[in-house]
Amino acid sequence: MSEAATVQQAGIRQAGTPAVKANLLGLTRPQMEAFFLQLGEKKFRAQQVMKWIHHAGVTRFEDMTNLSRALRERLPEVAEIRPPEVVSQQDSGDGTRKWAVRVEGGGLVETVLIPAGDRATLCVSSQVGCSLDCSFCSTGKQGFQRDLTAAEIIGQVWLAIDSYDAFQSGKGRIVTNVVMMGMGEPLLNFDNVVSAMDLMLDDLAYGLSKRRVTLSTSGVVPALDRLAGVSEVSLAVSLHAPNDALRDQLVPINRKYPIAELLRSCRDYMAAQSDRNRVVTVEYTLIAGVNDQPEHARELAVLLRDLPCKINLIPFNTFPQSEYERPSGRAVSRFWQVLVDAGYIVTVRTTRGDDIDAACGQLVGQVVDRTRRSERYRAGGDTQAIEVM
């Protein structure tokens, strides 16, 4: 990316343009360096400010004591550090915490932190609503409003840490893993998601291992092909069916990018990684009487034989406006056994946070729906069109 493009993406005001303040929360290291160079400052100012924001949780320039007085006075005129607004916080009996945060335009998105021993995984949203319409997902029933900015995405990480007073309390790292599995399809918000993930990995920000940041996609193949050239985060694929006919019903984007194309793209992504021991996580939501039969498991085992992967089975979590049902424990065990016998590493996702509607597929927000999909669902109309923005 050229310096001019980097400056533009960073939101730096050019001569003759309206005075819009750059939100420094969402700037990557190159973007932050470009910002300070544009101000006539040295590049090292970027390192100082990034540490204040992401290591110390400081949002006021006047508190950044290693900056010159003149710079501290100038920065509020051209920049801000503005995380999303927390509207509500809910705590589950199992320790899961969910936040609803308001973003520009009035939309609400949800973020969930799931603790497990010495780990805590943050599920981060990438869009207000979702431009896809997977039939088993509550988010998709709300329609789509817009993409989140990089500041709104990384701001969810910032807010989670701040919620536990972990910037200054000495409690240690609260967020150890991040999964881009919240509201929205991450690969349809490519640039902002990549920038936010770069910050998650950057030692000047959150310093997470590339193995501990996971992007989950429903199968936007061209964007996944592009991702292979710019990122080494872990990959999860929302498959949910062992054949195109069934996946067309459950994940409508499959009609545009069928399974064979998706698996080819997954193999290419893994081949591009420097660590050849990594595998794709295949996510498979089990829905009673739909895709949870032994024959589905056997077909899935054959389908994935050429893909280095592990399989994560997710028993369906119910929500309003869905006619699907959760499979029985026996059906889940039977499906699991077929795959294990075929030689796969298979886990069954434990339902967490269902008492606060924070389980997989249950996230909802407040969406000014541009697609009118939510209106059609309420009216009981057809929603089968693929809506890729």
Protein backbone atom coordinates (compact mmCIF):
# COMPACT_ATOMS: atom_id res chain seq x y z
CA MET A 1 0.00 0.00 0.00
CA SER A 2 1.36 3.46 -0.92
CA GLU A 3 1.97 6.07 1.76
CA ALA A 4 -0.85 8.20 0.32
CA ALA A 5 -3.26 5.27 0.50
CA THR A 6 -2.12 4.46 4.02
CA VAL A 7 -2.72 8.05 5.07
CA GLN A 8 -6.18 8.00 3.49
CA GLN A 9 -7.13 4.70 5.17
CA ALA A 10 -5.93 6.06 8.50
CA GLY A 11 -8.51 8.79 8.23
CA ILE A 12 -6.01 11.65 8.19
CA ARG A 13 -7.48 14.92 7.00
CA GLN A 14 -6.01 16.19 3.74
CA ALA A 15 -5.91 19.82 2.72
CA GLY A 16 -9.30 21.09 1.62
CA THR A 17 -11.27 18.21 3.15
CA PRO A 18 -13.69 18.41 6.11
CA ALA A 19 -12.13 18.22 9.56
CA VAL A 20 -12.88 14.62 10.52
CA LYS A 21 -10.86 13.38 13.47
CA ALA A 22 -8.95 10.13 13.01
CA ASN A 23 -9.86 7.47 15.56
CA LEU A 24 -6.42 6.25 16.56
CA LEU A 25 -7.88 3.16 18.23
CA GLY A 26 -8.20 1.41 14.86
CA LEU A 27 -4.89 2.38 13.23
CA THR A 28 -2.33 -0.33 12.53
CA ARG A 29 1.35 0.39 13.11
CA PRO A 30 2.00 1.53 9.49
CA GLN A 31 -1.13 3.67 9.56
CA MET A 32 -0.18 5.22 12.90
CA GLU A 33 3.32 5.98 11.62
CA ALA A 34 1.83 7.60 8.51
CA PHE A 35 -0.46 9.67 10.73
CA PHE A 36 2.40 11.12 12.76
CA LEU A 37 4.59 11.69 9.71
CA GLN A 38 1.70 13.67 8.22
CA LEU A 39 1.72 15.80 11.35
CA GLY A 40 5.42 16.43 10.94
CA GLU A 41 6.33 14.18 13.87
CA LYS A 42 8.82 11.31 14.07
CA LYS A 43 7.65 7.73 13.45
CA PHE A 44 8.50 6.67 17.02
CA ARG A 45 5.48 8.67 18.24
CA ALA A 46 3.35 5.87 16.78
CA GLN A 47 4.93 3.33 19.12
CA GLN A 48 4.42 5.58 22.13
CA VAL A 49 0.74 6.23 21.41
CA MET A 50 -0.04 2.60 20.53
CA LYS A 51 1.35 1.49 23.88
CA TRP A 52 -0.74 4.10 25.69
CA ILE A 53 -3.91 2.96 23.92
CA HIS A 54 -3.54 -0.82 23.82
CA HIS A 55 -1.22 -1.57 26.76
CA ALA A 56 -2.36 1.05 29.28
CA GLY A 57 -5.94 1.66 28.13
CA VAL A 58 -5.45 5.43 28.04
CA THR A 59 -7.87 7.44 25.89
CA ARG A 60 -6.93 11.02 26.84
CA PHE A 61 -3.94 12.55 25.08
CA GLU A 62 -3.25 14.79 28.09
CA ASP A 63 -2.41 11.65 30.11
CA MET A 64 0.28 10.49 27.65
CA THR A 65 3.12 11.93 29.67
CA ASN A 66 6.01 10.97 27.37
CA LEU A 67 4.60 13.09 24.53
CA SER A 68 5.64 16.73 24.25
CA ARG A 69 3.25 19.31 25.64
CA ALA A 70 2.79 20.81 22.18
CA LEU A 71 1.83 17.43 20.69
CA ARG A 72 -0.56 16.65 23.55
CA GLU A 73 -2.30 19.95 22.89
CA ARG A 74 -2.44 19.45 19.14
CA LEU A 75 -3.68 15.86 18.99
CA PRO A 76 -7.25 16.54 20.26
CA GLU A 77 -7.72 18.88 17.31
CA VAL A 78 -7.08 16.16 14.70
CA ALA A 79 -7.58 12.84 16.45
CA GLU A 80 -9.50 10.93 19.10
CA ILE A 81 -9.41 7.57 20.84
CA ARG A 82 -13.03 6.44 20.88
CA PRO A 83 -14.06 2.87 21.69
CA PRO A 84 -17.66 1.77 21.05
CA GLU A 85 -20.18 2.63 23.74
CA VAL A 86 -21.22 -0.19 26.10
CA VAL A 87 -25.01 -0.22 26.30
CA SER A 88 -25.40 -3.32 28.45
CA GLN A 89 -23.41 -6.07 30.09
CA GLN A 90 -24.76 -9.51 31.06
CA ASP A 91 -23.00 -12.17 33.10
CA SER A 92 -23.91 -15.83 32.76
CA GLY A 93 -23.91 -18.31 35.59
CA ASP A 94 -21.07 -20.16 33.82
CA GLY A 95 -18.81 -17.08 33.79
CA THR A 96 -19.54 -15.98 30.22
CA ARG A 97 -19.89 -12.22 29.81
CA LYS A 98 -21.75 -10.51 26.95
CA TRP A 99 -21.72 -6.86 25.98
CA ALA A 100 -24.05 -4.97 23.66
CA VAL A 101 -22.15 -2.03 22.20
CA ARG A 102 -23.50 0.89 20.22
CA VAL A 103 -21.65 1.94 17.08
CA GLU A 104 -21.98 4.94 14.80
CA GLY A 105 -25.36 5.06 13.09
CA GLY A 106 -27.16 3.70 16.15
CA GLY A 107 -26.64 -0.01 15.50
CA LEU A 108 -25.90 -2.44 18.30
CA VAL A 109 -23.56 -5.42 18.07
CA GLU A 110 -22.71 -8.08 20.63
CA THR A 111 -19.39 -9.33 21.93
CA VAL A 112 -18.92 -12.39 24.16
CA LEU A 113 -16.04 -13.44 26.43
CA ILE A 114 -15.93 -17.15 27.28
CA PRO A 115 -13.55 -18.13 30.10
CA ALA A 116 -12.17 -21.65 30.34
CA GLY A 117 -9.48 -22.29 32.92
CA ASP A 118 -6.45 -20.15 32.13
CA ARG A 119 -7.91 -19.19 28.75
CA ALA A 120 -10.55 -16.64 27.81
CA THR A 121 -11.85 -16.48 24.26
CA LEU A 122 -13.44 -13.29 22.95
CA CYS A 123 -16.01 -13.67 20.17
CA VAL A 124 -15.86 -10.48 18.09
CA SER A 125 -18.38 -9.07 15.61
CA SER A 126 -17.41 -7.65 12.21
CA GLN A 127 -20.70 -6.26 10.84
CA VAL A 128 -23.92 -4.71 12.12
CA GLY A 129 -26.16 -7.64 11.27
CA CYS A 130 -25.01 -9.94 8.49
CA SER A 131 -25.26 -9.69 4.73
CA LEU A 132 -25.59 -13.47 4.46
CA ASP A 133 -28.65 -15.45 5.54
CA CYS A 134 -27.64 -18.79 7.00
CA SER A 135 -30.91 -20.42 7.95
CA PHE A 136 -29.83 -21.56 11.44
CA CYS A 137 -28.31 -18.25 12.61
CA SER A 138 -30.21 -15.63 14.59
CA THR A 139 -27.97 -12.79 13.41
CA GLY A 140 -28.87 -13.40 9.78
CA LYS A 141 -32.57 -12.94 10.50
CA GLN A 142 -31.98 -9.28 11.38
CA GLY A 143 -30.67 -8.31 7.96
CA PHE A 144 -27.67 -6.06 7.38
CA GLN A 145 -26.84 -2.44 8.15
CA ARG A 146 -23.12 -1.87 7.54
CA ASP A 147 -19.56 -3.04 8.07
CA LEU A 148 -17.81 -2.17 11.30
CA THR A 149 -14.72 0.01 11.14
CA ALA A 150 -11.35 -1.30 12.30
CA ALA A 151 -11.73 0.86 15.43
CA GLU A 152 -15.13 -0.68 16.17
CA ILE A 153 -13.74 -4.20 15.73
CA ILE A 154 -10.56 -3.80 17.80
CA GLY A 155 -12.59 -1.65 20.19
CA GLN A 156 -14.42 -4.80 21.28
CA VAL A 157 -11.09 -6.25 22.45
CA TRP A 158 -10.24 -2.97 24.20
CA LEU A 159 -13.64 -2.89 25.93
CA ALA A 160 -13.40 -6.48 27.14
CA ILE A 161 -10.04 -5.83 28.78
CA ASP A 162 -11.26 -2.54 30.24
CA SER A 163 -14.40 -4.24 31.59
CA TYR A 164 -12.24 -6.34 33.91
CA ASP A 165 -10.02 -3.38 34.86
CA ALA A 166 -7.18 -5.41 33.40
CA PHE A 167 -5.12 -2.62 31.81
CA GLN A 168 -3.73 -1.44 35.15
CA SER A 169 -4.89 -3.95 37.74
CA GLY A 170 -2.13 -6.51 37.27
CA LYS A 171 -4.71 -9.25 36.70
CA GLY A 172 -2.80 -10.52 33.71
CA ARG A 173 -4.05 -11.01 30.19
CA ILE A 174 -7.84 -11.32 30.25
CA VAL A 175 -8.27 -12.02 26.53
CA THR A 176 -6.02 -14.91 25.46
CA ASN A 177 -7.84 -15.90 22.26
CA VAL A 178 -9.95 -14.01 19.73
CA VAL A 179 -12.39 -15.57 17.28
CA MET A 180 -13.96 -13.56 14.47
CA MET A 181 -17.19 -15.50 14.90
CA GLY A 182 -19.59 -12.84 16.17
CA MET A 183 -22.14 -10.94 14.11
CA GLY A 184 -21.35 -10.70 10.42
CA GLU A 185 -19.21 -12.39 7.76
CA PRO A 186 -15.62 -11.21 8.37
CA LEU A 187 -14.41 -11.70 4.80
CA LEU A 188 -17.09 -9.34 3.47
CA ASN A 189 -15.45 -6.60 5.59
CA PHE A 190 -11.98 -7.56 4.45
CA ASP A 191 -9.80 -4.47 4.95
CA ASN A 192 -11.19 -3.50 8.35
CA VAL A 193 -11.04 -7.06 9.67
CA VAL A 194 -7.47 -7.55 8.48
CA SER A 195 -6.41 -4.26 10.08
CA ALA A 196 -8.05 -5.23 13.37
CA MET A 197 -6.43 -8.68 13.32
CA ASP A 198 -3.05 -7.05 12.59
CA LEU A 199 -3.51 -5.06 15.80
CA MET A 200 -4.44 -8.21 17.72
CA LEU A 201 -1.12 -9.73 16.63
CA ASP A 202 1.07 -6.63 17.02
CA ASP A 203 3.29 -6.57 20.12
CA LEU A 204 2.63 -2.84 20.39
CA ALA A 205 -1.07 -3.66 20.74
CA TYR A 206 -2.32 -7.05 22.05
CA GLY A 207 0.52 -9.38 21.05
CA LEU A 208 -1.59 -12.48 20.47
CA SER A 209 -0.15 -15.50 18.69
CA LYS A 210 -1.40 -16.11 15.14
CA ARG A 211 -2.60 -19.47 16.45
CA ARG A 212 -4.82 -17.67 18.97
CA VAL A 213 -6.62 -15.42 16.49
CA THR A 214 -9.15 -17.27 14.35
CA LEU A 215 -11.20 -16.02 11.42
CA SER A 216 -14.38 -17.93 10.70
CA THR A 217 -15.95 -17.69 7.25
CA SER A 218 -19.05 -19.10 5.60
CA GLY A 219 -17.10 -19.40 2.37
CA VAL A 220 -16.44 -16.13 0.54
CA VAL A 221 -13.89 -17.80 -1.71
CA PRO A 222 -12.33 -14.80 -3.53
CA ALA A 223 -11.71 -13.04 -0.22
CA LEU A 224 -10.28 -16.20 1.35
CA ASP A 225 -7.90 -16.52 -1.59
CA ARG A 226 -6.86 -12.91 -0.98
CA LEU A 227 -6.42 -13.49 2.75
CA ALA A 228 -3.74 -16.10 2.10
CA GLY A 229 -1.44 -13.37 0.87
CA VAL A 230 -1.79 -11.02 3.84
CA SER A 231 -2.47 -13.02 7.00
CA GLU A 232 -1.49 -16.14 8.92
CA VAL A 233 -4.31 -16.25 11.45
CA SER A 234 -6.04 -19.54 12.14
CA LEU A 235 -8.90 -20.47 9.83
CA ALA A 236 -12.32 -21.86 10.65
CA VAL A 237 -14.91 -22.70 8.01
CA SER A 238 -18.65 -22.84 8.66
CA LEU A 239 -19.47 -25.92 6.60
CA HIS A 240 -22.59 -27.42 8.25
CA ALA A 241 -23.38 -29.85 5.43
CA PRO A 242 -21.54 -32.64 3.58
CA ASN A 243 -22.97 -31.91 0.12
CA ASP A 244 -23.98 -28.94 -2.01
CA ALA A 245 -27.70 -29.73 -2.11
CA LEU A 246 -28.04 -29.52 1.67
CA ARG A 247 -25.55 -26.68 2.11
CA ASP A 248 -27.44 -24.61 -0.48
CA GLN A 249 -30.38 -24.67 1.95
CA LEU A 250 -28.42 -23.99 5.13
CA VAL A 251 -25.71 -21.62 3.86
CA PRO A 252 -27.07 -19.86 0.74
CA ILE A 253 -23.69 -18.42 -0.30
CA ASN A 254 -22.85 -22.01 -1.25
CA ARG A 255 -24.88 -21.45 -4.41
CA LYS A 256 -22.25 -18.95 -5.49
CA TYR A 257 -19.17 -20.70 -4.08
CA PRO A 258 -19.89 -24.45 -3.79
CA ILE A 259 -18.08 -26.82 -1.47
CA ALA A 260 -15.40 -27.93 -3.93
CA GLU A 261 -14.30 -24.32 -4.50
CA LEU A 262 -14.36 -23.60 -0.76
CA LEU A 263 -12.24 -26.62 0.14
CA ARG A 264 -9.78 -25.80 -2.64
CA SER A 265 -9.42 -22.29 -1.20
CA CYS A 266 -8.91 -23.72 2.30
CA ARG A 267 -6.15 -26.01 1.06
CA ASP A 268 -4.45 -23.09 -0.68
CA TYR A 269 -4.69 -20.98 2.46
CA MET A 270 -3.02 -23.67 4.55
CA ALA A 271 -0.33 -24.23 1.90
CA ALA A 272 0.54 -20.51 2.09
CA GLN A 273 1.21 -20.62 5.84
CA SER A 274 4.76 -20.73 7.15
CA ASP A 275 3.72 -23.31 9.78
CA ARG A 276 2.78 -26.45 7.88
CA ASN A 277 1.50 -28.23 11.00
CA ARG A 278 -1.63 -26.12 11.29
CA VAL A 279 -5.09 -27.32 10.29
CA VAL A 280 -8.45 -25.83 9.38
CA THR A 281 -11.24 -26.01 11.94
CA VAL A 282 -14.40 -27.27 10.23
CA GLU A 283 -17.49 -26.02 12.05
CA TYR A 284 -20.57 -28.16 11.71
CA THR A 285 -23.82 -27.17 13.40
CA LEU A 286 -25.91 -30.26 14.10
CA ILE A 287 -29.63 -29.71 13.50
CA ALA A 288 -32.12 -32.38 14.49
CA GLY A 289 -33.38 -34.36 11.50
CA VAL A 290 -31.61 -32.09 9.01
CA ASN A 291 -27.89 -32.85 8.93
CA ASP A 292 -27.26 -35.00 12.00
CA GLN A 293 -27.71 -38.53 10.65
CA PRO A 294 -24.93 -41.18 10.42
CA GLU A 295 -25.06 -41.03 6.65
CA HIS A 296 -24.26 -37.32 6.85
CA ALA A 297 -21.28 -38.10 9.07
CA ARG A 298 -20.01 -40.77 6.68
CA GLU A 299 -20.37 -38.40 3.73
CA LEU A 300 -18.54 -35.67 5.66
CA ALA A 301 -15.68 -38.06 6.45
CA VAL A 302 -15.18 -38.75 2.75
CA LEU A 303 -15.54 -35.08 1.79
CA LEU A 304 -12.77 -33.87 4.12
CA ARG A 305 -10.22 -36.62 3.54
CA ASP A 306 -7.87 -34.33 1.54
CA LEU A 307 -8.11 -31.34 3.91
CA PRO A 308 -5.85 -31.08 6.99
CA CYS A 309 -8.54 -30.34 9.54
CA LYS A 310 -10.19 -30.93 12.86
CA ILE A 311 -13.97 -30.93 13.22
CA ASN A 312 -15.96 -28.93 15.75
CA LEU A 313 -19.53 -30.17 16.16
CA ILE A 314 -21.97 -27.53 17.42
CA PRO A 315 -25.39 -28.68 18.65
CA PHE A 316 -27.93 -26.17 17.35
CA ASN A 317 -28.98 -23.44 19.79
CA THR A 318 -32.62 -22.44 19.44
CA PHE A 319 -33.85 -18.87 18.96
CA PRO A 320 -37.12 -17.15 17.96
CA GLN A 321 -38.07 -17.28 14.25
CA SER A 322 -36.36 -20.65 13.79
CA GLU A 323 -38.16 -23.92 13.13
CA TYR A 324 -35.03 -26.00 13.73
CA GLU A 325 -34.49 -28.11 16.84
CA ARG A 326 -31.49 -29.15 18.85
CA PRO A 327 -30.36 -32.76 18.26
CA SER A 328 -30.47 -35.32 21.03
CA GLY A 329 -27.34 -36.20 22.94
CA ARG A 330 -27.51 -39.65 21.39
CA ALA A 331 -27.55 -38.21 17.87
CA VAL A 332 -24.54 -36.01 18.65
CA SER A 333 -22.60 -38.95 20.10
CA ARG A 334 -23.45 -41.15 17.14
CA PHE A 335 -22.30 -38.49 14.66
CA TRP A 336 -19.11 -37.91 16.66
CA GLN A 337 -18.30 -41.63 16.74
CA VAL A 338 -18.54 -42.03 12.96
CA LEU A 339 -16.01 -39.25 12.45
CA VAL A 340 -13.67 -40.47 15.18
CA ASP A 341 -13.74 -43.97 13.70
CA ALA A 342 -12.76 -42.39 10.37
CA GLY A 343 -9.63 -40.96 12.00
CA TYR A 344 -10.62 -37.32 12.60
CA ILE A 345 -9.97 -35.19 15.67
CA VAL A 346 -13.49 -34.17 16.69
CA THR A 347 -14.71 -31.92 19.48
CA VAL A 348 -18.25 -31.09 20.55
CA ARG A 349 -18.65 -27.45 21.45
CA THR A 350 -19.98 -26.99 24.96
CA THR A 351 -22.89 -24.59 25.05
CA ARG A 352 -21.83 -21.54 27.06
CA GLY A 353 -23.84 -18.47 27.97
CA ASP A 354 -27.20 -19.75 26.75
CA ASP A 355 -28.91 -18.21 29.80
CA ILE A 356 -27.97 -14.78 28.40
CA ASP A 357 -28.42 -15.73 24.70
CA ALA A 358 -24.66 -15.67 24.14
CA ALA A 359 -24.32 -19.16 22.65
CA CYS A 360 -23.22 -19.85 19.09
CA GLY A 361 -25.81 -18.63 16.57
CA GLN A 362 -27.78 -16.65 19.16
CA LEU A 363 -26.11 -13.24 18.89
CA VAL A 364 -28.48 -10.42 18.02
CA GLY A 365 -28.21 -6.67 18.04
CA GLN A 366 -30.04 -3.62 16.75
CA VAL A 367 -29.86 -3.40 12.98
CA VAL A 368 -31.23 -0.71 10.68
CA ASP A 369 -31.83 -3.36 8.05
CA ARG A 370 -30.87 -2.29 4.51
CA THR A 371 -32.01 -5.63 3.07
CA ARG A 372 -35.61 -5.72 4.46
CA ARG A 373 -34.85 -9.33 5.36
CA SER A 374 -36.00 -8.93 8.97
CA GLU A 375 -39.30 -7.50 7.72
CA ARG A 376 -39.82 -10.50 5.44
CA TYR A 377 -39.07 -12.94 8.25
CA ARG A 378 -41.64 -11.29 10.48
CA ALA A 379 -44.14 -11.50 7.63
CA GLY A 380 -43.23 -15.11 6.91
CA GLY A 381 -42.06 -14.37 3.38
CA ASP A 382 -39.34 -15.91 1.22
CA THR A 383 -35.78 -14.99 2.23
CA GLN A 384 -33.80 -17.31 0.02
CA ALA A 385 -32.01 -14.67 -2.09
CA ILE A 386 -28.26 -14.46 -1.53
CA GLU A 387 -27.56 -10.97 -0.23
CA VAL A 388 -23.83 -10.34 -0.62
CA MET A 389 -23.06 -6.66 -0.18
